[in-house]
Amino acid sequence: MAKEEGIEMEGLVTEVLPDRKYRVRLENGHQVLAYAAGKMSKFKIRVLVGDRVTLVLSPYDLTRGRVTFRHK
């Protein structure tokens, strides 16, 4: 059985948590817990409160996601 693809959404970072985790409010009003993707950690891309980000939600658990891009 193939692994399902994630759901890509945009949101606003409302809180920065320890260990490169973030609380993100999605465009539809839901709050999710997200972590920084490996490439973001590798290239030391900083995400701050108020940043607009693109994240991929797991189809299995819609309350968790992975931040893949920080918009300028």
Protein backbone atom coordinates (compact mmCIF):
# COMPACT_ATOMS: atom_id res chain seq x y z
CA MET A 1 0.00 0.00 0.00
CA ALA A 2 1.47 3.35 -1.02
CA LYS A 3 2.01 6.18 1.41
CA GLU A 4 -0.52 8.97 0.94
CA GLU A 5 0.61 12.44 -0.04
CA GLY A 6 0.27 15.37 2.34
CA ILE A 7 -2.21 18.22 2.13
CA GLU A 8 -0.46 21.51 1.31
CA MET A 9 -1.83 24.63 3.05
CA GLU A 10 -0.72 28.12 4.07
CA GLY A 11 -0.84 29.63 7.51
CA LEU A 12 0.49 32.21 9.94
CA VAL A 13 2.94 31.36 12.74
CA THR A 14 1.37 32.36 16.07
CA GLU A 15 3.88 30.82 18.49
CA VAL A 16 7.46 29.55 18.37
CA LEU A 17 8.04 26.50 20.57
CA PRO A 18 11.27 24.75 21.58
CA ASP A 19 13.00 22.25 19.29
CA ARG A 20 12.06 23.99 15.99
CA LYS A 21 8.32 23.51 16.45
CA TYR A 22 5.66 26.10 15.72
CA ARG A 23 1.99 26.69 16.39
CA VAL A 24 0.42 27.74 13.08
CA ARG A 25 -3.06 29.17 12.38
CA LEU A 26 -4.31 28.02 8.98
CA GLU A 27 -6.34 30.16 6.58
CA ASN A 28 -9.51 28.30 7.61
CA GLY A 29 -8.96 29.15 11.30
CA HIS A 30 -7.65 25.78 12.56
CA GLN A 31 -4.54 25.59 14.75
CA VAL A 32 -1.86 22.97 14.04
CA LEU A 33 1.47 21.99 15.55
CA ALA A 34 4.20 22.03 12.91
CA TYR A 35 7.92 21.31 12.78
CA ALA A 36 10.59 22.65 10.43
CA ALA A 37 11.50 20.49 7.44
CA GLY A 38 15.02 19.08 7.26
CA LYS A 39 16.11 21.46 4.48
CA MET A 40 15.03 24.43 6.60
CA SER A 41 17.16 23.18 9.47
CA LYS A 42 20.08 22.44 7.16
CA PHE A 43 20.14 25.93 5.67
CA LYS A 44 19.27 27.60 9.02
CA ILE A 45 16.11 29.31 7.77
CA ARG A 46 14.57 31.12 10.74
CA VAL A 47 10.83 31.25 11.25
CA LEU A 48 9.46 33.92 13.56
CA VAL A 49 6.04 34.83 14.93
CA GLY A 50 3.99 36.52 12.22
CA ASP A 51 5.70 34.77 9.30
CA ARG A 52 3.52 33.37 6.53
CA VAL A 53 4.47 29.73 5.85
CA THR A 54 3.50 26.85 3.59
CA LEU A 55 3.07 23.56 5.39
CA VAL A 56 2.16 19.99 4.53
CA LEU A 57 -0.42 18.31 6.74
CA SER A 58 -0.46 14.58 7.31
CA PRO A 59 -3.60 12.95 5.89
CA TYR A 60 -3.64 10.70 8.97
CA ASP A 61 -3.47 13.45 11.63
CA LEU A 62 -4.73 16.89 10.56
CA THR A 63 -3.44 18.55 13.75
CA ARG A 64 0.24 18.09 12.83
CA GLY A 65 2.28 19.31 9.90
CA ARG A 66 5.72 20.11 8.44
CA VAL A 67 6.75 23.66 7.51
CA THR A 68 8.29 23.50 4.04
CA PHE A 69 8.54 27.17 2.98
CA ARG A 70 8.70 30.62 4.61
CA HIS A 71 7.22 33.42 2.50
CA LYS A 72 8.96 36.79 2.40
